[in-house]
């Protein structure tokens, strides 16, 4: 069966093994005579899937017992609002480090809820790097510090993280969660839309330190209160059952791959293939991100002029590559090489890039 050379930024490639397993169970899951999307979310068959997904997330990410794992709908964009609604007190400030468009959008939503402060930003340098910040500038009563761990549009990624000893640390990890080992205890709240490394669109994972749940006001609407999900095992209302089922299959796949240490090695190898082509091209390919903050998930680059970029993307499409156009806000090219993108596909792209340069 034909499979595209899929480098889309999200929704992104899913492991072929996962899709085949889901296909087998599409009409008859666990001998119920129903597909997983037809089952009641109160049934024991679905409950097993739900609990398995949480168990595997806890195992793969080594999530401590004093954290809740929640499944919420609305994507990471809803979390831009839920985080300040639940965590930002009346007389507090929420601090944001701007490293790309998504952190800007998170700040914009928080501005509607309460007082915010930009602690650092690399916007004036076209978000080519993760900005430096001074944690001493953050007051003791700050509600939280928010970061975006990986920037899909600009191709930058945090390599080390701020300390959360003084201020609760909140991270949008939508585009690099599950790509490398992670000390969850470094954070107080992590959220991630699933459609990059975790599964299909439709479910958002929230990992929150339990003591933070005390901040959520009882006056919040039920579906905007983290306690609603924590107190009901994310089953207060009908969850996105099909998305959670596929999430559980992706987590099983990651576990069989050897966990996050092995996945990180594979991701480093894939990224090196493309960055080597860029670095050795004598300026034919121009990387957007500074080398010390390059993303392992999103390789962003330009060619020497727009005509050449258009021709590159045209020929790449003819050759079967999908999703290599840069985000509409900055143009250029972008290869998203999430966990499920096979090494062989990256090898083919690297070879295509070399051939295009030699023939231009």
Protein backbone atom coordinates (compact mmCIF):
# COMPACT_ATOMS: atom_id res chain seq x y z
CA UNK A 1 0.00 0.00 0.00
CA UNK A 2 1.26 3.47 -0.90
CA UNK A 3 2.34 5.59 2.08
CA UNK A 4 3.19 9.25 1.59
CA UNK A 5 6.53 10.71 2.61
CA UNK A 6 4.76 12.72 5.30
CA UNK A 7 6.60 15.67 6.86
CA UNK A 8 3.49 17.56 7.95
CA UNK A 9 3.77 19.72 11.08
CA UNK A 10 0.48 18.46 12.52
CA UNK A 11 -1.69 16.57 12.30
CA UNK A 12 1.41 14.53 11.61
CA UNK A 13 2.53 11.03 10.70
CA UNK A 14 1.37 8.16 12.88
CA UNK A 15 3.32 4.89 13.18
CA UNK A 16 2.25 2.47 10.46
CA UNK A 17 2.02 -0.32 13.04
CA UNK A 18 -0.48 1.74 15.03
CA UNK A 19 -2.66 2.37 12.01
CA UNK A 20 -2.66 -1.32 11.11
CA UNK A 21 -3.63 -2.32 14.65
CA UNK A 22 -6.43 0.23 14.69
CA UNK A 23 -7.63 -0.98 11.30
CA UNK A 24 -7.94 -4.53 12.63
CA UNK A 25 -10.20 -3.34 15.44
CA UNK A 26 -12.20 -0.78 13.51
CA UNK A 27 -15.33 -2.93 13.24
CA UNK A 28 -14.96 -5.27 16.19
CA UNK A 29 -13.00 -4.10 19.21
CA UNK A 30 -12.28 -6.74 21.84
CA UNK A 31 -15.05 -9.01 20.51
CA UNK A 32 -17.75 -6.46 21.32
CA UNK A 33 -19.13 -6.40 17.78
CA UNK A 34 -18.57 -2.63 17.85
CA UNK A 35 -15.78 -0.30 16.89
CA UNK A 36 -13.98 1.57 19.65
CA UNK A 37 -15.73 4.78 18.63
CA UNK A 38 -19.11 3.05 19.10
CA UNK A 39 -18.49 1.85 22.65
CA UNK A 40 -19.94 3.58 25.66
CA UNK A 41 -17.26 5.52 27.52
CA UNK A 42 -18.70 3.90 30.66
CA UNK A 43 -18.09 0.37 29.37
CA UNK A 44 -15.40 -1.85 30.88
CA UNK A 45 -13.85 -2.31 27.44
CA UNK A 46 -13.30 1.40 26.97
CA UNK A 47 -12.30 1.88 30.62
CA UNK A 48 -9.42 -0.54 30.04
CA UNK A 49 -8.22 1.52 27.08
CA UNK A 50 -8.50 4.77 29.04
CA UNK A 51 -6.62 3.45 32.05
CA UNK A 52 -3.96 1.83 29.85
CA UNK A 53 -3.23 5.16 28.17
CA UNK A 54 -2.72 6.84 31.55
CA UNK A 55 -0.57 3.97 32.84
CA UNK A 56 1.69 4.05 29.78
CA UNK A 57 2.05 7.83 29.93
CA UNK A 58 3.10 7.54 33.55
CA UNK A 59 5.61 4.82 32.68
CA UNK A 60 7.16 6.46 29.60
CA UNK A 61 7.43 9.94 31.11
CA UNK A 62 8.18 8.69 34.65
CA UNK A 63 5.36 10.83 36.01
CA UNK A 64 5.50 11.00 39.84
CA UNK A 65 2.48 10.03 41.91
CA UNK A 66 1.85 13.61 43.01
CA UNK A 67 0.79 14.56 39.47
CA UNK A 68 -2.58 14.05 37.80
CA UNK A 69 -2.83 12.98 34.14
CA UNK A 70 -5.84 14.52 32.43
CA UNK A 71 -7.41 14.10 28.97
CA UNK A 72 -9.07 17.30 27.79
CA UNK A 73 -10.51 18.44 24.47
CA UNK A 74 -10.01 21.81 22.79
CA UNK A 75 -6.36 21.42 21.82
CA UNK A 76 -3.45 23.33 23.30
CA UNK A 77 -5.26 26.52 22.31
CA UNK A 78 -7.88 25.93 25.01
CA UNK A 79 -5.05 25.50 27.52
CA UNK A 80 -3.90 29.02 26.68
CA UNK A 81 -7.08 30.08 28.53
CA UNK A 82 -7.45 27.27 31.07
CA UNK A 83 -3.98 27.76 32.53
CA UNK A 84 -4.54 31.38 33.63
CA UNK A 85 -8.19 30.74 34.54
CA UNK A 86 -7.08 28.05 36.99
CA UNK A 87 -3.68 29.32 38.16
CA UNK A 88 -3.61 33.12 37.91
CA UNK A 89 -4.77 34.78 41.11
CA UNK A 90 -6.30 38.25 41.31
CA UNK A 91 -3.20 39.97 42.73
CA UNK A 92 -0.63 37.91 40.83
CA UNK A 93 1.26 38.16 37.57
CA UNK A 94 1.73 35.42 34.98
CA UNK A 95 5.15 35.53 33.32
CA UNK A 96 5.68 34.42 29.73
CA UNK A 97 8.83 33.75 27.73
CA UNK A 98 8.13 34.37 24.05
CA UNK A 99 9.94 32.05 21.67
CA UNK A 100 7.46 31.87 18.80
CA UNK A 101 3.92 32.41 17.57
CA UNK A 102 2.31 29.88 19.91
CA UNK A 103 3.77 31.47 23.02
CA UNK A 104 2.47 34.81 21.70
CA UNK A 105 -1.00 33.31 21.39
CA UNK A 106 -0.79 31.86 24.89
CA UNK A 107 0.11 35.29 26.23
CA UNK A 108 -2.73 36.94 24.31
CA UNK A 109 -5.29 34.65 25.94
CA UNK A 110 -3.80 35.11 29.41
CA UNK A 111 -4.02 38.88 28.97
CA UNK A 112 -7.80 38.46 28.89
CA UNK A 113 -7.78 36.73 32.27
CA UNK A 114 -5.35 38.76 34.39
CA UNK A 115 -2.04 40.55 34.59
CA UNK A 116 0.82 39.22 32.47
CA UNK A 117 4.50 40.07 32.03
CA UNK A 118 6.87 39.22 29.17
CA UNK A 119 9.98 37.91 30.94
CA UNK A 120 12.03 37.45 27.78
CA UNK A 121 11.51 37.41 24.02
CA UNK A 122 13.42 36.74 20.81
CA UNK A 123 10.71 38.22 18.58
CA UNK A 124 12.90 41.11 17.43
CA UNK A 125 15.34 38.51 16.05
CA UNK A 126 12.61 36.63 14.17
CA UNK A 127 12.53 33.94 16.85
CA UNK A 128 15.80 32.39 15.68
CA UNK A 129 16.75 31.26 19.20
CA UNK A 130 15.44 30.61 22.68
CA UNK A 131 15.73 33.93 24.53
CA UNK A 132 17.86 34.38 27.62
CA UNK A 133 15.99 35.28 30.79
CA UNK A 134 16.81 36.30 34.34
CA UNK A 135 14.86 34.32 36.86
CA UNK A 136 15.75 36.84 39.56
CA UNK A 137 13.50 39.33 37.76
CA UNK A 138 10.45 37.21 38.50
CA UNK A 139 8.78 38.27 41.77
CA UNK A 140 8.17 35.77 44.53
CA UNK A 141 4.39 36.00 44.15
CA UNK A 142 4.35 35.30 40.40
CA UNK A 143 1.57 32.86 39.55
CA UNK A 144 3.69 30.89 37.10
CA UNK A 145 6.29 31.08 34.33
CA UNK A 146 5.09 29.83 30.94
CA UNK A 147 7.32 28.48 28.17
CA UNK A 148 6.80 26.70 24.84
CA UNK A 149 9.30 23.85 24.79
CA UNK A 150 9.49 23.46 21.00
CA UNK A 151 8.56 25.96 18.31
CA UNK A 152 7.16 24.28 15.23
CA UNK A 153 7.13 27.39 13.04
CA UNK A 154 10.66 28.59 13.76
CA UNK A 155 12.40 25.30 14.48
CA UNK A 156 13.81 26.10 17.92
CA UNK A 157 13.72 23.98 21.07
CA UNK A 158 14.58 24.43 24.74
CA UNK A 159 17.59 22.25 25.65
CA UNK A 160 17.50 22.99 29.39
CA UNK A 161 14.60 24.43 31.35
CA UNK A 162 14.08 27.14 33.96
CA UNK A 163 14.03 26.04 37.57
CA UNK A 164 10.61 25.75 39.18
CA UNK A 165 11.89 26.05 42.75
CA UNK A 166 10.78 29.67 43.00
CA UNK A 167 7.92 29.92 40.51
CA UNK A 168 5.63 27.18 39.15
CA UNK A 169 6.75 26.27 35.63
CA UNK A 170 4.13 25.68 32.93
CA UNK A 171 5.14 24.25 29.55
CA UNK A 172 3.33 23.84 26.27
CA UNK A 173 4.97 20.66 24.96
CA UNK A 174 2.60 19.99 22.09
CA UNK A 175 5.31 19.44 19.52
CA UNK A 176 8.07 17.62 21.40
CA UNK A 177 6.49 15.65 24.22
CA UNK A 178 7.52 11.97 24.09
CA UNK A 179 10.55 12.84 21.92
CA UNK A 180 13.16 12.65 24.70
CA UNK A 181 13.48 11.75 28.38
CA UNK A 182 11.90 14.38 30.58
CA UNK A 183 12.13 15.12 34.28
CA UNK A 184 8.46 15.86 34.90
CA UNK A 185 9.30 17.09 38.40
CA UNK A 186 10.99 20.10 36.74
CA UNK A 187 7.50 21.31 35.81
CA UNK A 188 4.29 22.03 37.62
CA UNK A 189 1.99 21.79 34.61
CA UNK A 190 2.63 20.35 31.15
CA UNK A 191 0.10 20.39 28.36
CA UNK A 192 0.29 18.95 24.87
CA UNK A 193 -2.03 18.59 21.93
CA UNK A 194 -1.70 15.01 20.74
CA UNK A 195 -1.37 15.53 17.00
CA UNK A 196 2.44 15.62 16.78
CA UNK A 197 3.94 12.73 18.76
CA UNK A 198 1.09 11.36 20.86
CA UNK A 199 -1.65 10.45 18.41
CA UNK A 200 -4.36 12.12 16.34
CA UNK A 201 -5.94 15.50 16.94
CA UNK A 202 -8.84 15.59 19.38
CA UNK A 203 -7.25 14.94 22.76
CA UNK A 204 -4.94 17.12 24.83
CA UNK A 205 -2.83 15.69 27.64
CA UNK A 206 -2.43 17.76 30.79
CA UNK A 207 0.02 16.71 33.50
CA UNK A 208 -0.45 18.82 36.63
CA UNK A 209 1.04 18.77 40.10
CA UNK A 210 -1.83 17.88 42.43
CA UNK A 211 -1.26 20.75 44.83
CA UNK A 212 -1.91 23.23 42.01
CA UNK A 213 -5.47 21.97 41.76
CA UNK A 214 -6.23 23.89 44.94
CA UNK A 215 -5.95 27.13 42.97
CA UNK A 216 -8.90 26.37 40.71
CA UNK A 217 -11.91 28.43 41.76
CA UNK A 218 -15.24 26.70 42.30
CA UNK A 219 -16.77 29.54 40.31
CA UNK A 220 -15.16 28.36 37.10
CA UNK A 221 -17.41 26.61 34.58
CA UNK A 222 -17.12 22.85 35.10
CA UNK A 223 -15.48 22.15 31.75
CA UNK A 224 -12.84 24.84 32.35
CA UNK A 225 -11.86 23.61 35.82
CA UNK A 226 -8.98 21.13 36.09
CA UNK A 227 -10.62 19.59 39.18
CA UNK A 228 -13.56 18.44 37.06
CA UNK A 229 -11.21 16.21 35.09
CA UNK A 230 -9.02 15.20 38.04
CA UNK A 231 -11.98 14.18 40.19
CA UNK A 232 -13.62 12.14 37.43
CA UNK A 233 -10.63 10.45 35.78
CA UNK A 234 -11.32 12.66 32.72
CA UNK A 235 -14.71 10.94 32.34
CA UNK A 236 -17.00 13.73 33.56
CA UNK A 237 -18.45 13.88 30.05
CA UNK A 238 -17.82 11.79 26.93
CA UNK A 239 -14.09 11.96 26.17
CA UNK A 240 -12.66 11.68 22.62
CA UNK A 241 -12.61 7.89 22.85
CA UNK A 242 -11.15 7.15 19.41
CA UNK A 243 -8.34 9.67 19.91
CA UNK A 244 -7.51 8.20 23.34
CA UNK A 245 -7.52 4.69 21.88
CA UNK A 246 -5.03 5.74 19.21
CA UNK A 247 -3.01 7.55 21.87
CA UNK A 248 -2.78 4.30 23.83
CA UNK A 249 -1.58 2.45 20.72
CA UNK A 250 1.09 5.10 20.06
CA UNK A 251 2.27 4.79 23.65
CA UNK A 252 2.47 0.99 23.31
CA UNK A 253 4.52 1.51 20.14
CA UNK A 254 6.87 3.90 21.94
CA UNK A 255 7.26 1.47 24.82
CA UNK A 256 8.17 -1.36 22.43
CA UNK A 257 10.74 0.93 20.77
CA UNK A 258 12.63 0.94 24.05
CA UNK A 259 11.18 4.05 25.65
CA UNK A 260 12.27 7.64 25.41
CA UNK A 261 16.03 7.11 25.53
CA UNK A 262 15.90 5.04 22.35
CA UNK A 263 13.41 7.39 20.74
CA UNK A 264 15.68 10.36 21.49
CA UNK A 265 18.63 8.61 19.82
CA UNK A 266 16.53 7.96 16.72
CA UNK A 267 15.37 11.58 16.65
CA UNK A 268 18.91 12.89 17.00
CA UNK A 269 20.03 10.69 14.11
CA UNK A 270 17.20 11.86 11.86
CA UNK A 271 17.77 15.53 12.65
CA UNK A 272 21.52 15.23 12.07
CA UNK A 273 20.92 13.93 8.55
CA UNK A 274 19.07 17.09 7.55
CA UNK A 275 21.14 19.59 9.49
CA UNK A 276 24.32 18.11 7.96
CA UNK A 277 22.91 18.71 4.48
CA UNK A 278 22.12 22.32 5.42
CA UNK A 279 25.50 22.96 7.06
CA UNK A 280 27.48 21.38 4.24
CA UNK A 281 25.58 23.12 1.43
CA UNK A 282 27.89 26.18 1.37
CA UNK A 283 24.96 28.53 1.92
CA UNK A 284 22.63 26.94 -0.62
CA UNK A 285 20.34 25.97 2.26
CA UNK A 286 20.05 28.53 5.04
CA UNK A 287 18.90 27.30 8.44
CA UNK A 288 16.50 29.57 10.32
CA UNK A 289 17.38 28.59 13.90
CA UNK A 290 20.65 29.19 15.70
CA UNK A 291 22.59 25.95 15.97
CA UNK A 292 22.51 25.74 19.77
CA UNK A 293 18.72 25.81 19.90
CA UNK A 294 17.84 23.81 16.79
CA UNK A 295 14.78 21.63 17.12
CA UNK A 296 14.95 17.84 16.75
CA UNK A 297 11.33 17.92 15.63
CA UNK A 298 11.06 20.73 13.06
CA UNK A 299 13.92 21.49 10.68
CA UNK A 300 13.36 24.96 9.22
CA UNK A 301 15.36 26.41 6.34
CA UNK A 302 15.29 28.73 3.36
CA UNK A 303 16.94 28.72 -0.03
CA UNK A 304 18.80 31.65 -1.54
CA UNK A 305 15.70 33.27 -3.05
CA UNK A 306 11.95 32.76 -3.27
CA UNK A 307 12.02 31.43 -6.83
CA UNK A 308 14.46 28.71 -5.81
CA UNK A 309 12.35 27.87 -2.75
CA UNK A 310 9.24 27.52 -4.92
CA UNK A 311 11.08 25.26 -7.35
CA UNK A 312 12.41 23.14 -4.49
CA UNK A 313 8.92 22.66 -3.06
CA UNK A 314 7.50 21.93 -6.52
CA UNK A 315 10.05 19.24 -7.25
CA UNK A 316 9.74 17.82 -3.75
CA UNK A 317 5.98 17.45 -4.21
CA UNK A 318 6.55 15.74 -7.58
CA UNK A 319 8.92 13.35 -5.83
CA UNK A 320 6.24 12.39 -3.29
CA UNK A 321 7.22 14.52 -0.30
CA UNK A 322 4.31 16.04 1.63
CA UNK A 323 4.24 18.99 4.04
CA UNK A 324 7.60 20.65 3.35
CA UNK A 325 6.30 24.20 2.95
CA UNK A 326 7.16 26.54 5.79
CA UNK A 327 4.44 28.10 7.89
CA UNK A 328 2.56 30.82 6.05
CA UNK A 329 3.83 33.43 8.52
CA UNK A 330 7.51 33.02 7.59
CA UNK A 331 7.54 30.98 4.37
CA UNK A 332 10.57 28.94 3.39
CA UNK A 333 10.71 25.22 4.06
CA UNK A 334 10.12 22.99 7.05
CA UNK A 335 10.56 19.27 7.58
CA UNK A 336 8.72 17.98 10.65
CA UNK A 337 10.39 14.75 11.72
CA UNK A 338 8.35 13.61 14.68
CA UNK A 339 8.77 10.18 16.29
CA UNK A 340 6.67 8.34 13.71
CA UNK A 341 8.50 9.67 10.64
CA UNK A 342 10.64 6.70 9.53
CA UNK A 343 14.40 7.09 9.29
CA UNK A 344 14.23 5.90 5.68
CA UNK A 345 11.94 8.83 4.77
CA UNK A 346 14.45 11.27 6.25
CA UNK A 347 17.24 9.58 4.31
CA UNK A 348 15.24 10.06 1.11
CA UNK A 349 14.69 13.74 1.91
CA UNK A 350 18.37 14.30 2.63
CA UNK A 351 19.27 12.65 -0.68
CA UNK A 352 16.69 14.78 -2.50
CA UNK A 353 18.09 17.96 -0.96
CA UNK A 354 21.61 17.06 -2.05
CA UNK A 355 20.45 16.20 -5.58
CA UNK A 356 18.45 19.42 -5.89
CA UNK A 357 21.48 21.47 -4.89
CA UNK A 358 23.75 19.64 -7.34
CA UNK A 359 21.28 20.10 -10.20
CA UNK A 360 20.53 23.77 -9.57
